[in-house]
Amino acid sequence: MESVQMELAPVGGLDTLLQEQLLDRRERLQIARSYDGRDTDLARLLNEVDAALMRFEQGSYGICEKCHEPIEPERLLADPLMRVCLGDLTDLQRRSLEDDLQLAADIQRGLLPRKLESHDTWKVDFVYEPAGIVSGDYCDFVYRDDALYFILGDVSGKGMAASLLMSNLHATFRSLIPLGLSIHDVMSRANHLLCESTPANQYATLVYGKLDRDGELEIVNAGHLPPVVIKNGVKGELSFAGLPLGMFCDTKFESTKVSLSHGDSVFLFTDGVTEALNADGAEYGLVRLFDALDGIDHRDPKLLIERCHGNVSEFRGLADRYDDLTMLAVAYL
């Protein structure tokens, strides 16, 4: 196949992003071929990229070659060379995709934190429910240097692309926390890494907290739902939030500090909780969540999680679930 001319017609939105990805891959393939021009696989990939760029010129990029309907955007983001939609995969291709998705789900479950059996300073519990095979919700906690670090977030988008970004965040925070950096430095570095390694349309809302042995809680909220702090049985939202992680490379993140006493707790959740719908289309909402937090021992995160999770499930009933659901509770002892 002859090399495609690079004078491509202007496109917008997702097409622009995909076109830029293809041009970048073409450049990298050409550099690799300059070192080994006999590599047949490099030549094949270059031909496929050129063919995809030609489809941009012809106005047929992103259209299934079999049914002539648009290919799923999330699949194009994962593989810009995709030429057929899910409905037109062969049985063999579909089984291979299912195996890949199951493997991704197994890997993602392996990234979840191990629940702390017991500790003299705090207790932690969580629930993590993907709406599909894989999830874009992020939940983790790490005990280090007499402090508990906890993170809960929600990645933009759904499906495999969101789950890959969730795995990226997990690796990033797990690498940065042991460095002993301030909470602001961790967020700043994580934000830069996310900006530089993901497409512009992908970002994450996220809460990152540090709880010391003396009860000092420091939290950064990057565009996420406000954490709920329960002090002496009284519930209140830490209603501050900055920009999401990965939206702008030079974002500065502010933190807030709260002093916790014996038995106080912190409750975090993703929008799969408050935006859960029942069969009538009604939304669960924050009021029902606050009501569910009443009348139980706030020193026991397991009870908090079980009560709230059970309440959401009872409200939803047999209605379909369209979003991932994650809750995290931390009690200071």
Protein backbone atom coordinates (compact mmCIF):
# COMPACT_ATOMS: atom_id res chain seq x y z
CA MET A 1 0.00 0.00 0.00
CA GLU A 2 1.31 3.47 -0.84
CA SER A 3 1.92 5.89 2.00
CA VAL A 4 -1.09 8.09 2.70
CA GLN A 5 -0.66 11.85 2.19
CA MET A 6 -0.75 13.74 5.49
CA GLU A 7 -2.96 16.60 4.21
CA LEU A 8 -6.02 15.38 6.08
CA ALA A 9 -9.35 17.11 6.22
CA PRO A 10 -10.00 18.89 9.52
CA VAL A 11 -12.13 16.95 12.00
CA GLY A 12 -13.32 17.67 15.52
CA GLY A 13 -13.81 16.14 18.97
CA LEU A 14 -13.09 12.45 19.27
CA ASP A 15 -12.01 12.23 15.61
CA THR A 16 -9.28 14.82 16.21
CA LEU A 17 -7.99 12.85 19.18
CA LEU A 18 -7.96 9.57 17.25
CA GLN A 19 -6.35 11.16 14.20
CA GLU A 20 -3.58 12.58 16.40
CA GLN A 21 -3.06 9.15 17.96
CA LEU A 22 -2.73 7.57 14.52
CA LEU A 23 -0.27 10.20 13.31
CA ASP A 24 1.81 9.73 16.43
CA ARG A 25 1.82 5.95 15.96
CA ARG A 26 2.78 6.35 12.31
CA GLU A 27 5.75 8.50 13.26
CA ARG A 28 6.89 5.97 15.86
CA LEU A 29 6.53 3.09 13.40
CA GLN A 30 8.61 4.91 10.81
CA ILE A 31 11.35 5.50 13.39
CA ALA A 32 11.29 1.82 14.36
CA ARG A 33 11.45 0.74 10.70
CA SER A 34 14.49 2.96 10.15
CA TYR A 35 16.34 0.64 12.54
CA ASP A 36 15.02 -2.59 11.04
CA GLY A 37 13.39 -2.28 7.63
CA ARG A 38 13.03 -6.05 7.32
CA ASP A 39 10.56 -6.40 10.20
CA THR A 40 7.37 -7.58 8.48
CA ASP A 41 5.18 -6.90 11.51
CA LEU A 42 6.26 -3.23 11.56
CA ALA A 43 5.45 -2.99 7.86
CA ARG A 44 2.01 -4.55 8.47
CA LEU A 45 1.21 -2.13 11.31
CA LEU A 46 2.34 0.84 9.23
CA ASN A 47 0.04 -0.25 6.40
CA GLU A 48 -2.88 -0.55 8.84
CA VAL A 49 -2.22 2.94 10.23
CA ASP A 50 -1.99 4.36 6.70
CA ALA A 51 -5.27 2.65 5.82
CA ALA A 52 -6.95 4.18 8.89
CA LEU A 53 -5.65 7.65 7.99
CA MET A 54 -6.94 7.14 4.43
CA ARG A 55 -10.38 6.42 5.90
CA PHE A 56 -10.22 9.84 7.56
CA GLU A 57 -9.64 11.41 4.12
CA GLN A 58 -12.56 9.45 2.66
CA GLY A 59 -14.87 10.25 5.59
CA SER A 60 -15.38 6.58 6.48
CA TYR A 61 -13.24 6.35 9.61
CA GLY A 62 -15.10 4.93 12.62
CA ILE A 63 -17.76 3.25 10.45
CA CYS A 64 -18.14 -0.53 10.68
CA GLU A 65 -17.10 -2.15 7.41
CA LYS A 66 -19.88 -4.77 7.72
CA CYS A 67 -23.02 -3.09 9.04
CA HIS A 68 -21.95 0.51 8.16
CA GLU A 69 -22.98 1.75 11.61
CA PRO A 70 -20.64 3.74 13.90
CA ILE A 71 -18.12 1.70 15.88
CA GLU A 72 -18.34 2.06 19.67
CA PRO A 73 -16.22 5.13 20.68
CA GLU A 74 -14.66 3.39 23.68
CA ARG A 75 -13.39 0.61 21.40
CA LEU A 76 -11.85 3.14 19.03
CA LEU A 77 -10.14 4.86 21.95
CA ALA A 78 -8.70 1.52 23.03
CA ASP A 79 -7.70 0.56 19.47
CA PRO A 80 -7.82 3.29 16.76
CA LEU A 81 -7.31 0.61 14.08
CA MET A 82 -10.67 -1.03 14.86
CA ARG A 83 -12.73 -1.67 11.69
CA VAL A 84 -15.84 -3.50 12.90
CA CYS A 85 -18.30 -2.95 15.73
CA LEU A 86 -19.03 -5.44 18.51
CA GLY A 87 -22.09 -6.82 16.77
CA ASP A 88 -20.09 -7.91 13.74
CA LEU A 89 -17.25 -9.73 15.46
CA THR A 90 -16.84 -13.39 14.54
CA ASP A 91 -17.52 -16.02 17.21
CA LEU A 92 -13.79 -16.53 17.65
CA GLN A 93 -13.15 -12.79 17.99
CA ARG A 94 -16.01 -12.45 20.47
CA ARG A 95 -14.74 -15.32 22.63
CA SER A 96 -11.26 -13.81 22.58
CA LEU A 97 -12.65 -10.44 23.68
CA GLU A 98 -14.66 -12.07 26.47
CA ASP A 99 -11.54 -13.86 27.71
CA ASP A 100 -9.62 -10.58 27.68
CA LEU A 101 -12.38 -8.82 29.62
CA GLN A 102 -12.52 -11.59 32.21
CA LEU A 103 -8.75 -11.43 32.65
CA ALA A 104 -8.97 -7.64 33.05
CA ALA A 105 -11.68 -8.09 35.70
CA ASP A 106 -9.54 -10.62 37.60
CA ILE A 107 -6.55 -8.26 37.51
CA GLN A 108 -8.68 -5.34 38.69
CA ARG A 109 -10.06 -7.33 41.62
CA GLY A 110 -6.48 -8.15 42.55
CA LEU A 111 -5.75 -4.40 42.85
CA LEU A 112 -8.35 -3.89 45.56
CA PRO A 113 -6.88 -3.30 49.03
CA ARG A 114 -6.84 -6.07 51.58
CA LYS A 115 -9.16 -5.26 54.44
CA LEU A 116 -7.38 -4.47 57.72
CA GLU A 117 -8.35 -7.16 60.19
CA SER A 118 -7.73 -4.95 63.22
CA HIS A 119 -5.68 -1.93 64.26
CA ASP A 120 -5.40 0.04 67.48
CA THR A 121 -5.82 3.44 65.76
CA TRP A 122 -8.40 2.94 62.99
CA LYS A 123 -10.72 0.56 61.24
CA VAL A 124 -11.46 0.54 57.50
CA ASP A 125 -14.06 -1.17 55.35
CA PHE A 126 -15.33 -0.78 51.80
CA VAL A 127 -17.66 -2.19 49.15
CA TYR A 128 -16.77 -2.21 45.45
CA GLU A 129 -19.40 -3.18 42.86
CA PRO A 130 -18.70 -2.78 39.12
CA ALA A 131 -21.77 -2.21 36.97
CA GLY A 132 -20.15 -4.34 34.26
CA ILE A 133 -17.24 -6.75 34.02
CA VAL A 134 -14.71 -4.01 34.77
CA SER A 135 -14.99 -0.76 36.70
CA GLY A 136 -13.80 2.83 36.54
CA ASP A 137 -14.13 3.35 40.30
CA TYR A 138 -10.92 3.51 42.33
CA CYS A 139 -10.61 2.50 45.98
CA ASP A 140 -7.45 1.97 48.02
CA PHE A 141 -5.86 2.50 51.42
CA VAL A 142 -2.29 2.17 52.63
CA TYR A 143 -0.89 2.07 56.18
CA ARG A 144 2.58 3.60 56.37
CA ASP A 145 4.73 5.54 58.85
CA ASP A 146 2.04 5.72 61.55
CA ALA A 147 -0.52 7.16 59.13
CA LEU A 148 -3.40 5.76 57.12
CA TYR A 149 -3.66 6.98 53.51
CA PHE A 150 -6.95 6.38 51.70
CA ILE A 151 -8.17 7.14 48.19
CA LEU A 152 -11.55 6.90 46.51
CA GLY A 153 -12.22 8.08 42.98
CA ASP A 154 -14.27 7.81 39.82
CA VAL A 155 -12.72 7.79 36.35
CA SER A 156 -14.47 9.54 33.45
CA GLY A 157 -16.07 7.20 30.94
CA LYS A 158 -16.92 3.54 31.29
CA GLY A 159 -15.73 0.12 30.25
CA MET A 160 -12.21 -0.99 29.47
CA ALA A 161 -10.81 2.52 28.91
CA ALA A 162 -11.96 3.62 32.37
CA SER A 163 -10.63 0.47 34.01
CA LEU A 164 -7.21 1.01 32.43
CA LEU A 165 -7.09 4.53 33.82
CA MET A 166 -8.15 3.21 37.24
CA SER A 167 -5.21 0.77 37.13
CA ASN A 168 -2.94 3.66 36.14
CA LEU A 169 -4.05 5.66 39.19
CA HIS A 170 -3.56 2.67 41.48
CA ALA A 171 0.04 2.23 40.33
CA THR A 172 0.70 5.99 40.55
CA PHE A 173 -0.47 6.46 44.13
CA ARG A 174 1.10 3.20 45.31
CA SER A 175 4.41 4.46 43.91
CA LEU A 176 4.18 7.98 45.34
CA ILE A 177 2.92 7.33 48.88
CA PRO A 178 6.10 5.54 50.09
CA LEU A 179 8.22 8.57 49.07
CA GLY A 180 7.10 10.51 52.14
CA LEU A 181 5.86 13.48 50.12
CA SER A 182 3.30 15.98 51.35
CA ILE A 183 -0.30 15.36 50.37
CA HIS A 184 -0.09 18.32 47.95
CA ASP A 185 3.07 16.98 46.25
CA VAL A 186 1.50 13.54 45.78
CA MET A 187 -1.55 15.09 44.11
CA SER A 188 0.56 17.40 41.95
CA ARG A 189 2.78 14.59 40.70
CA ALA A 190 -0.14 12.23 40.15
CA ASN A 191 -1.89 14.97 38.19
CA HIS A 192 1.14 15.58 35.95
CA LEU A 193 1.60 11.86 35.28
CA LEU A 194 -2.09 11.47 34.43
CA CYS A 195 -2.09 14.50 32.10
CA GLU A 196 0.97 13.28 30.24
CA SER A 197 -0.10 9.65 29.85
CA THR A 198 -3.80 9.82 28.96
CA PRO A 199 -6.01 11.43 26.28
CA ALA A 200 -7.37 14.90 27.01
CA ASN A 201 -10.91 13.60 27.47
CA GLN A 202 -9.96 11.30 30.35
CA TYR A 203 -9.69 12.47 33.95
CA ALA A 204 -10.69 11.34 37.43
CA THR A 205 -12.58 12.86 40.35
CA LEU A 206 -10.84 11.72 43.49
CA VAL A 207 -10.53 12.16 47.27
CA TYR A 208 -7.13 11.57 48.84
CA GLY A 209 -6.80 11.57 52.62
CA LYS A 210 -4.20 11.07 55.34
CA LEU A 211 -5.17 10.22 58.93
CA ASP A 212 -2.44 10.47 61.58
CA ARG A 213 -2.28 8.61 64.87
CA ASP A 214 -3.17 11.81 66.74
CA GLY A 215 -6.46 12.10 64.83
CA GLU A 216 -5.47 14.84 62.39
CA LEU A 217 -7.23 14.23 59.09
CA GLU A 218 -5.98 16.00 55.96
CA ILE A 219 -8.01 15.64 52.76
CA VAL A 220 -7.70 16.83 49.16
CA ASN A 221 -10.84 16.70 47.02
CA ALA A 222 -10.20 16.73 43.26
CA GLY A 223 -13.70 17.41 41.96
CA HIS A 224 -15.31 14.46 43.75
CA LEU A 225 -18.47 14.22 45.86
CA PRO A 226 -17.93 15.72 49.35
CA PRO A 227 -16.75 13.26 52.01
CA VAL A 228 -19.05 12.88 55.00
CA VAL A 229 -17.43 13.34 58.42
CA ILE A 230 -19.29 12.01 61.46
CA LYS A 231 -18.17 13.70 64.71
CA ASN A 232 -19.88 12.81 67.98
CA GLY A 233 -22.69 11.28 65.92
CA VAL A 234 -23.28 14.49 63.95
CA LYS A 235 -22.91 14.21 60.16
CA GLY A 236 -21.47 16.94 57.97
CA GLU A 237 -20.04 17.28 54.49
CA LEU A 238 -16.55 18.54 53.77
CA SER A 239 -18.03 20.57 50.94
CA PHE A 240 -14.94 21.77 49.14
CA ALA A 241 -13.64 20.50 45.81
CA GLY A 242 -11.00 21.48 43.29
CA LEU A 243 -10.57 20.44 39.69
CA PRO A 244 -10.51 16.76 38.72
CA LEU A 245 -7.20 14.96 38.47
CA GLY A 246 -5.73 14.97 34.95
CA MET A 247 -7.82 17.83 33.56
CA PHE A 248 -5.05 20.48 33.57
CA CYS A 249 -1.36 19.77 34.08
CA ASP A 250 -0.67 22.84 36.23
CA THR A 251 -3.60 22.41 38.66
CA LYS A 252 -2.83 23.30 42.28
CA PHE A 253 -4.68 21.27 44.90
CA GLU A 254 -5.76 22.63 48.27
CA SER A 255 -6.31 20.50 51.36
CA THR A 256 -8.46 20.86 54.45
CA LYS A 257 -7.74 19.55 57.95
CA VAL A 258 -10.13 18.17 60.55
CA SER A 259 -9.31 16.89 64.03
CA LEU A 260 -11.03 13.59 64.77
CA SER A 261 -11.78 12.26 68.24
CA HIS A 262 -12.32 8.70 69.44
CA GLY A 263 -15.17 7.10 67.51
CA ASP A 264 -15.37 9.73 64.74
CA SER A 265 -15.48 8.47 61.18
CA VAL A 266 -15.24 9.45 57.53
CA PHE A 267 -17.51 8.09 54.80
CA LEU A 268 -16.73 8.38 51.07
CA PHE A 269 -18.73 7.21 48.07
CA THR A 270 -19.00 7.47 44.29
CA ASP A 271 -21.99 8.78 42.35
CA GLY A 272 -23.14 5.20 41.71
CA VAL A 273 -24.56 5.47 45.25
CA THR A 274 -26.48 8.75 45.17
CA GLU A 275 -27.50 8.41 41.49
CA ALA A 276 -28.86 4.86 41.82
CA LEU A 277 -32.34 4.62 40.29
CA ASN A 278 -35.34 2.50 41.28
CA ALA A 279 -37.92 1.00 38.93
CA ASP A 280 -39.87 4.28 38.87
CA GLY A 281 -36.82 6.26 37.78
CA ALA A 282 -36.43 8.02 41.16
CA GLU A 283 -32.91 8.80 42.33
CA TYR A 284 -31.56 7.55 45.67
CA GLY A 285 -30.00 10.90 46.53
CA LEU A 286 -27.99 12.30 49.42
CA VAL A 287 -30.90 12.64 51.87
CA ARG A 288 -31.56 8.89 51.87
CA LEU A 289 -27.84 8.24 52.31
CA PHE A 290 -27.69 10.55 55.34
CA ASP A 291 -30.77 8.83 56.81
CA ALA A 292 -29.10 5.43 56.36
CA LEU A 293 -26.12 6.64 58.41
CA ASP A 294 -28.34 7.33 61.43
CA GLY A 295 -28.87 5.02 64.37
CA ILE A 296 -25.77 2.83 64.09
CA ASP A 297 -22.38 2.61 65.77
CA HIS A 298 -20.18 4.94 63.72
CA ARG A 299 -17.07 3.37 65.26
CA ASP A 300 -17.63 0.28 63.13
CA PRO A 301 -17.02 0.90 59.40
CA LYS A 302 -18.34 -2.55 58.57
CA LEU A 303 -21.74 -1.63 60.00
CA LEU A 304 -21.71 1.70 58.14
CA ILE A 305 -20.98 0.00 54.83
CA GLU A 306 -23.49 -2.79 55.35
CA ARG A 307 -26.27 -0.38 56.35
CA CYS A 308 -25.71 2.03 53.45
CA HIS A 309 -25.14 -0.67 50.85
CA GLY A 310 -28.21 -2.56 51.98
CA ASN A 311 -30.28 0.62 51.92
CA VAL A 312 -29.24 1.45 48.34
CA SER A 313 -29.91 -2.13 47.20
CA GLU A 314 -33.35 -2.13 48.82
CA PHE A 315 -34.21 1.21 47.18
CA ARG A 316 -33.08 0.07 43.73
CA GLY A 317 -34.95 -3.23 43.94
CA LEU A 318 -34.95 -5.07 40.62
CA ALA A 319 -34.03 -2.00 38.57
CA ASP A 320 -30.92 -2.24 36.41
CA ARG A 321 -27.67 -0.76 37.68
CA TYR A 322 -25.98 1.56 35.20
CA ASP A 323 -23.01 2.84 37.19
CA ASP A 324 -20.23 1.44 39.37
CA LEU A 325 -20.83 1.69 43.11
CA THR A 326 -18.10 2.13 45.72
CA MET A 327 -18.15 3.12 49.39
CA LEU A 328 -15.25 3.54 51.84
CA ALA A 329 -15.52 4.10 55.60
CA VAL A 330 -12.72 4.95 58.03
CA ALA A 331 -13.15 5.13 61.83
CA TYR A 332 -10.63 6.72 64.21
CA LEU A 333 -10.18 4.81 67.47
